[in-house]
C-alpha atoms as a PDB file:
ATOM      1  CA  UNK A   1      91.793 142.991 119.763  1.00  0.00           C
ATOM      2  CA  UNK A   2      94.486 141.910 117.264  1.00  0.00           C
ATOM      3  CA  UNK A   3      96.484 144.584 115.583  1.00  0.00           C
ATOM      4  CA  UNK A   4      99.166 144.634 113.036  1.00  0.00           C
ATOM      5  CA  UNK A   5      99.046 140.797 112.306  1.00  0.00           C
ATOM      6  CA  UNK A   6      99.659 138.467 109.217  1.00  0.00           C
ATOM      7  CA  UNK A   7      96.942 135.609 109.804  1.00  0.00           C
ATOM      8  CA  UNK A   8      97.546 132.968 107.418  1.00  0.00           C
ATOM      9  CA  UNK A   9      95.498 129.794 106.392  1.00  0.00           C
ATOM     10  CA  UNK A  10      93.040 129.791 109.381  1.00  0.00           C
ATOM     11  CA  UNK A  11      89.919 127.928 109.059  1.00  0.00           C
ATOM     12  CA  UNK A  12      87.431 130.282 111.120  1.00  0.00           C
ATOM     13  CA  UNK A  13      84.826 127.550 111.131  1.00  0.00           C
ATOM     14  CA  UNK A  14      87.183 125.871 113.733  1.00  0.00           C
ATOM     15  CA  UNK A  15      88.493 129.028 115.242  1.00  0.00           C
ATOM     16  CA  UNK A  16      86.851 131.697 117.097  1.00  0.00           C
ATOM     17  CA  UNK A  17      86.923 135.388 115.718  1.00  0.00           C
ATOM     18  CA  UNK A  18      88.104 138.057 117.919  1.00  0.00           C
ATOM     19  CA  UNK A  19      85.906 141.123 118.214  1.00  0.00           C
ATOM     20  CA  UNK A  20      88.362 143.722 116.760  1.00  0.00           C
ATOM     21  CA  UNK A  21      91.007 143.546 114.251  1.00  0.00           C
ATOM     22  CA  UNK A  22      93.048 146.742 113.153  1.00  0.00           C
ATOM     23  CA  UNK A  23      95.456 146.782 110.311  1.00  0.00           C
ATOM     24  CA  UNK A  24      95.661 142.967 109.779  1.00  0.00           C
ATOM     25  CA  UNK A  25      96.334 141.001 106.631  1.00  0.00           C
ATOM     26  CA  UNK A  26      94.241 137.534 106.110  1.00  0.00           C
ATOM     27  CA  UNK A  27      95.693 135.329 103.618  1.00  0.00           C
ATOM     28  CA  UNK A  28      94.118 132.235 102.415  1.00  0.00           C
ATOM     29  CA  UNK A  29      91.692 132.026 105.335  1.00  0.00           C
ATOM     30  CA  UNK A  30      88.411 130.359 105.109  1.00  0.00           C
ATOM     31  CA  UNK A  31      85.249 131.837 106.551  1.00  0.00           C
ATOM     32  CA  UNK A  32      82.992 129.728 104.610  1.00  0.00           C
ATOM     33  CA  UNK A  33      79.317 129.577 105.969  1.00  0.00           C
ATOM     34  CA  UNK A  34      80.305 131.078 109.424  1.00  0.00           C
ATOM     35  CA  UNK A  35      78.171 133.278 111.208  1.00  0.00           C
ATOM     36  CA  UNK A  36      80.001 136.534 111.667  1.00  0.00           C
ATOM     37  CA  UNK A  37      78.647 138.702 114.594  1.00  0.00           C
ATOM     38  CA  UNK A  38      79.698 142.060 115.803  1.00  0.00           C
ATOM     39  CA  UNK A  39      83.427 141.857 114.623  1.00  0.00           C
ATOM     40  CA  UNK A  40      85.076 145.076 113.777  1.00  0.00           C
ATOM     41  CA  UNK A  41      87.554 145.093 110.957  1.00  0.00           C
ATOM     42  CA  UNK A  42      89.573 148.481 110.382  1.00  0.00           C
ATOM     43  CA  UNK A  43      92.342 148.744 107.677  1.00  0.00           C
ATOM     44  CA  UNK A  44      92.354 145.199 107.092  1.00  0.00           C
ATOM     45  CA  UNK A  45      93.029 143.221 103.804  1.00  0.00           C
ATOM     46  CA  UNK A  46      91.904 139.792 102.982  1.00  0.00           C
ATOM     47  CA  UNK A  47      93.816 138.065 100.262  1.00  0.00           C
ATOM     48  CA  UNK A  48      92.581 134.771  98.503  1.00  0.00           C
ATOM     49  CA  UNK A  49      90.186 134.168 101.417  1.00  0.00           C
ATOM     50  CA  UNK A  50      86.894 132.321 101.119  1.00  0.00           C
ATOM     51  CA  UNK A  51      83.771 133.877 102.283  1.00  0.00           C
ATOM     52  CA  UNK A  52      81.172 131.788 100.367  1.00  0.00           C
ATOM     53  CA  UNK A  53      77.741 132.024 102.240  1.00  0.00           C
ATOM     54  CA  UNK A  54      79.207 133.644 105.181  1.00  0.00           C
ATOM     55  CA  UNK A  55      76.238 135.289 107.325  1.00  0.00           C
ATOM     56  CA  UNK A  56      77.398 138.744 108.205  1.00  0.00           C
ATOM     57  CA  UNK A  57      75.406 140.375 110.938  1.00  0.00           C
ATOM     58  CA  UNK A  58      76.484 143.706 112.598  1.00  0.00           C
ATOM     59  CA  UNK A  59      79.809 143.421 111.097  1.00  0.00           C
ATOM     60  CA  UNK A  60      81.486 146.767 110.636  1.00  0.00           C
ATOM     61  CA  UNK A  61      84.081 146.779 107.900  1.00  0.00           C
ATOM     62  CA  UNK A  62      85.977 150.188 107.822  1.00  0.00           C
ATOM     63  CA  UNK A  63      88.502 150.599 104.914  1.00  0.00           C
ATOM     64  CA  UNK A  64      88.646 146.839 104.188  1.00  0.00           C
ATOM     65  CA  UNK A  65      90.093 145.247 100.979  1.00  0.00           C
ATOM     66  CA  UNK A  66      89.168 141.998  99.527  1.00  0.00           C
ATOM     67  CA  UNK A  67      91.661 140.823  96.834  1.00  0.00           C
ATOM     68  CA  UNK A  68      91.115 137.796  94.947  1.00  0.00           C
ATOM     69  CA  UNK A  69      88.659 136.448  97.392  1.00  0.00           C
ATOM     70  CA  UNK A  70      85.579 134.234  96.942  1.00  0.00           C
ATOM     71  CA  UNK A  71      82.610 136.049  98.302  1.00  0.00           C
ATOM     72  CA  UNK A  72      79.709 134.042  96.466  1.00  0.00           C
ATOM     73  CA  UNK A  73      76.383 134.411  98.067  1.00  0.00           C
ATOM     74  CA  UNK A  74      77.698 136.626 101.022  1.00  0.00           C
ATOM     75  CA  UNK A  75      75.023 138.894 102.238  1.00  0.00           C
ATOM     76  CA  UNK A  76      76.537 142.163 103.255  1.00  0.00           C
ATOM     77  CA  UNK A  77      73.051 143.848 103.591  1.00  0.00           C
ATOM     78  CA  UNK A  78      73.063 143.066 107.524  1.00  0.00           C
ATOM     79  CA  UNK A  79      76.700 144.486 108.012  1.00  0.00           C
ATOM     80  CA  UNK A  80      77.091 147.985 109.112  1.00  0.00           C
ATOM     81  CA  UNK A  81      75.548 150.017 106.182  1.00  0.00           C
ATOM     82  CA  UNK A  82      78.396 152.569 106.593  1.00  0.00           C
ATOM     83  CA  UNK A  83      81.079 150.066 105.703  1.00  0.00           C
ATOM     84  CA  UNK A  84      83.844 150.936 103.301  1.00  0.00           C
ATOM     85  CA  UNK A  85      85.160 148.291 100.791  1.00  0.00           C
ATOM     86  CA  UNK A  86      87.631 147.944  97.961  1.00  0.00           C
ATOM     87  CA  UNK A  87      87.265 144.634  95.928  1.00  0.00           C
ATOM     88  CA  UNK A  88      89.798 143.489  93.322  1.00  0.00           C
ATOM     89  CA  UNK A  89      89.760 140.258  91.207  1.00  0.00           C
ATOM     90  CA  UNK A  90      86.996 138.938  93.483  1.00  0.00           C
ATOM     91  CA  UNK A  91      83.983 136.702  92.830  1.00  0.00           C
ATOM     92  CA  UNK A  92      80.844 138.362  94.117  1.00  0.00           C
ATOM     93  CA  UNK A  93      78.342 136.149  92.566  1.00  0.00           C
ATOM     94  CA  UNK A  94      74.864 135.953  94.191  1.00  0.00           C
ATOM     95  CA  UNK A  95      76.012 138.580  96.891  1.00  0.00           C
ATOM     96  CA  UNK A  96      73.672 140.962  98.307  1.00  0.00           C
ATOM     97  CA  UNK A  97      74.751 144.686  98.634  1.00  0.00           C
ATOM     98  CA  UNK A  98      71.448 146.152  99.260  1.00  0.00           C
ATOM     99  CA  UNK A  99      70.585 148.983 101.415  1.00  0.00           C
ATOM    100  CA  UNK A 100      74.447 149.738 101.760  1.00  0.00           C
ATOM    101  CA  UNK A 101      75.981 153.212 101.839  1.00  0.00           C
ATOM    102  CA  UNK A 102      79.000 152.634  99.770  1.00  0.00           C
ATOM    103  CA  UNK A 103      80.230 155.981  98.354  1.00  0.00           C
ATOM    104  CA  UNK A 104      83.346 155.722  96.418  1.00  0.00           C
ATOM    105  CA  UNK A 105      83.746 151.991  96.500  1.00  0.00           C
ATOM    106  CA  UNK A 106      86.023 150.226  93.878  1.00  0.00           C
ATOM    107  CA  UNK A 107      85.235 147.192  91.998  1.00  0.00           C
ATOM    108  CA  UNK A 108      88.240 145.962  90.016  1.00  0.00           C
ATOM    109  CA  UNK A 109      87.919 143.131  87.628  1.00  0.00           C
ATOM    110  CA  UNK A 110      85.182 141.525  89.793  1.00  0.00           C
ATOM    111  CA  UNK A 111      82.471 139.094  88.760  1.00  0.00           C
ATOM    112  CA  UNK A 112      79.193 140.281  90.289  1.00  0.00           C
ATOM    113  CA  UNK A 113      76.713 138.130  88.287  1.00  0.00           C
ATOM    114  CA  UNK A 114      73.302 137.777  89.671  1.00  0.00           C
ATOM    115  CA  UNK A 115      74.232 140.165  92.703  1.00  0.00           C
ATOM    116  CA  UNK A 116      71.550 142.212  94.263  1.00  0.00           C
ATOM    117  CA  UNK A 117      72.402 145.980  94.624  1.00  0.00           C
ATOM    118  CA  UNK A 118      68.967 147.532  95.597  1.00  0.00           C
ATOM    119  CA  UNK A 119      68.519 150.787  97.721  1.00  0.00           C
ATOM    120  CA  UNK A 120      72.083 151.486  97.846  1.00  0.00           C
ATOM    121  CA  UNK A 121      74.265 154.361  97.541  1.00  0.00           C
ATOM    122  CA  UNK A 122      77.333 153.839  95.160  1.00  0.00           C
ATOM    123  CA  UNK A 123      77.983 157.451  94.313  1.00  0.00           C
ATOM    124  CA  UNK A 124      81.407 157.889  92.907  1.00  0.00           C
ATOM    125  CA  UNK A 125      81.901 154.316  92.679  1.00  0.00           C
ATOM    126  CA  UNK A 126      84.323 152.462  90.060  1.00  0.00           C
ATOM    127  CA  UNK A 127      83.116 149.357  88.400  1.00  0.00           C
ATOM    128  CA  UNK A 128      86.248 148.531  86.201  1.00  0.00           C
ATOM    129  CA  UNK A 129      85.840 145.579  84.019  1.00  0.00           C
ATOM    130  CA  UNK A 130      83.474 144.100  85.944  1.00  0.00           C
ATOM    131  CA  UNK A 131      80.706 141.171  84.636  1.00  0.00           C
ATOM    132  CA  UNK A 132      77.422 142.412  85.717  1.00  0.00           C
ATOM    133  CA  UNK A 133      75.373 139.716  84.059  1.00  0.00           C
ATOM    134  CA  UNK A 134      71.904 139.782  85.650  1.00  0.00           C
ATOM    135  CA  UNK A 135      72.911 142.075  88.467  1.00  0.00           C
ATOM    136  CA  UNK A 136      69.982 143.679  89.814  1.00  0.00           C
ATOM    137  CA  UNK A 137      70.129 147.442  90.340  1.00  0.00           C
ATOM    138  CA  UNK A 138      66.998 148.966  91.754  1.00  0.00           C
ATOM    139  CA  UNK A 139      66.730 152.478  93.469  1.00  0.00           C
ATOM    140  CA  UNK A 140      70.263 152.487  93.489  1.00  0.00           C
ATOM    141  CA  UNK A 141      72.320 155.872  93.430  1.00  0.00           C
ATOM    142  CA  UNK A 142      75.102 155.514  90.912  1.00  0.00           C
ATOM    143  CA  UNK A 143      75.636 159.271  90.453  1.00  0.00           C
ATOM    144  CA  UNK A 144      79.174 160.069  89.255  1.00  0.00           C
ATOM    145  CA  UNK A 145      80.060 156.208  89.104  1.00  0.00           C
ATOM    146  CA  UNK A 146      82.202 154.669  86.368  1.00  0.00           C
ATOM    147  CA  UNK A 147      80.693 151.656  84.438  1.00  0.00           C
ATOM    148  CA  UNK A 148      82.533 152.529  81.200  1.00  0.00           C
ATOM    149  CA  UNK A 149      84.509 149.450  81.031  1.00  0.00           C
ATOM    150  CA  UNK A 150      81.857 146.918  82.794  1.00  0.00           C
ATOM    151  CA  UNK A 151      79.796 144.813  80.777  1.00  0.00           C
ATOM    152  CA  UNK A 152      76.523 142.604  80.534  1.00  0.00           C
ATOM    153  CA  UNK A 153      74.514 144.997  82.800  1.00  0.00           C
ATOM    154  CA  UNK A 154      70.891 145.970  82.456  1.00  0.00           C
ATOM    155  CA  UNK A 155      70.136 149.162  84.390  1.00  0.00           C
ATOM    156  CA  UNK A 156      66.836 150.861  84.244  1.00  0.00           C
ATOM    157  CA  UNK A 157      67.469 154.653  84.056  1.00  0.00           C
ATOM    158  CA  UNK A 158      64.142 155.376  85.430  1.00  0.00           C
ATOM    159  CA  UNK A 159      64.749 153.351  88.511  1.00  0.00           C
ATOM    160  CA  UNK A 160      68.289 154.284  89.305  1.00  0.00           C
ATOM    161  CA  UNK A 161      70.087 157.786  89.699  1.00  0.00           C
ATOM    162  CA  UNK A 162      72.512 157.730  86.848  1.00  0.00           C
ATOM    163  CA  UNK A 163      73.349 161.448  87.012  1.00  0.00           C
ATOM    164  CA  UNK A 164      76.969 162.177  85.621  1.00  0.00           C
ATOM    165  CA  UNK A 165      77.742 158.450  85.708  1.00  0.00           C
ATOM    166  CA  UNK A 166      80.301 157.257  83.050  1.00  0.00           C
ATOM    167  CA  UNK A 167      79.355 154.531  80.348  1.00  0.00           C
ATOM    168  CA  UNK A 168      80.904 153.809  77.193  1.00  0.00           C
ATOM    169  CA  UNK A 169      79.251 153.535  73.801  1.00  0.00           C
ATOM    170  CA  UNK A 170      79.793 149.886  73.622  1.00  0.00           C
ATOM    171  CA  UNK A 171      77.844 149.425  76.782  1.00  0.00           C
ATOM    172  CA  UNK A 172      74.741 151.721  76.195  1.00  0.00           C
ATOM    173  CA  UNK A 173      72.528 148.941  75.219  1.00  0.00           C
ATOM    174  CA  UNK A 174      72.320 147.938  78.986  1.00  0.00           C
ATOM    175  CA  UNK A 175      70.571 151.349  79.631  1.00  0.00           C
ATOM    176  CA  UNK A 176      68.100 151.289  76.786  1.00  0.00           C
ATOM    177  CA  UNK A 177      66.641 147.646  77.166  1.00  0.00           C
ATOM    178  CA  UNK A 178      64.113 148.991  79.616  1.00  0.00           C
ATOM    179  CA  UNK A 179      62.859 151.234  76.924  1.00  0.00           C
ATOM    180  CA  UNK A 180      62.536 148.296  74.665  1.00  0.00           C
ATOM    181  CA  UNK A 181      64.769 149.920  72.090  1.00  0.00           C
ATOM    182  CA  UNK A 182      66.864 147.675  69.689  1.00  0.00           C
ATOM    183  CA  UNK A 183      70.259 148.763  68.864  1.00  0.00           C
ATOM    184  CA  UNK A 184      71.817 147.490  65.546  1.00  0.00           C
ATOM    185  CA  UNK A 185      75.455 148.017  64.080  1.00  0.00           C
END
């Protein structure tokens, strides 16, 4: 177990991951295309790390922050479904968050283009200034979530739970496309 460490500029394709990390900060580390097994991360932060195409299997993320990280194509769906995340200024393009129970997750200024968010529980989550172009939402619980400052999304209200979700007038078009409604100024 590693605890209370600052871990910098490690290429984990060449270094073995420990089984457990508690209250650690990873800075400029490279996890690209590694197979991450049953590793446990608790109260950890990843800053400017690269997780592109990382295979995450049975990994547990408890109260983990990703800040300015590259998570392109990362499949979180095989990690512990009760993981808890915070994402800020991170690239999550083509990532998979399907089947996750992510209540209260914060996505701050993230790029989630063409990501898959299906059968997930994102109740009370915040999507602040996120690009959701071609992000696939299906059978996702977005109840009480705030998407008021996000953009480029298309979310079918008949296929997702949007009860008490927050949207701005400027981004309502993404909710109405499923009905074939045209909006003009």
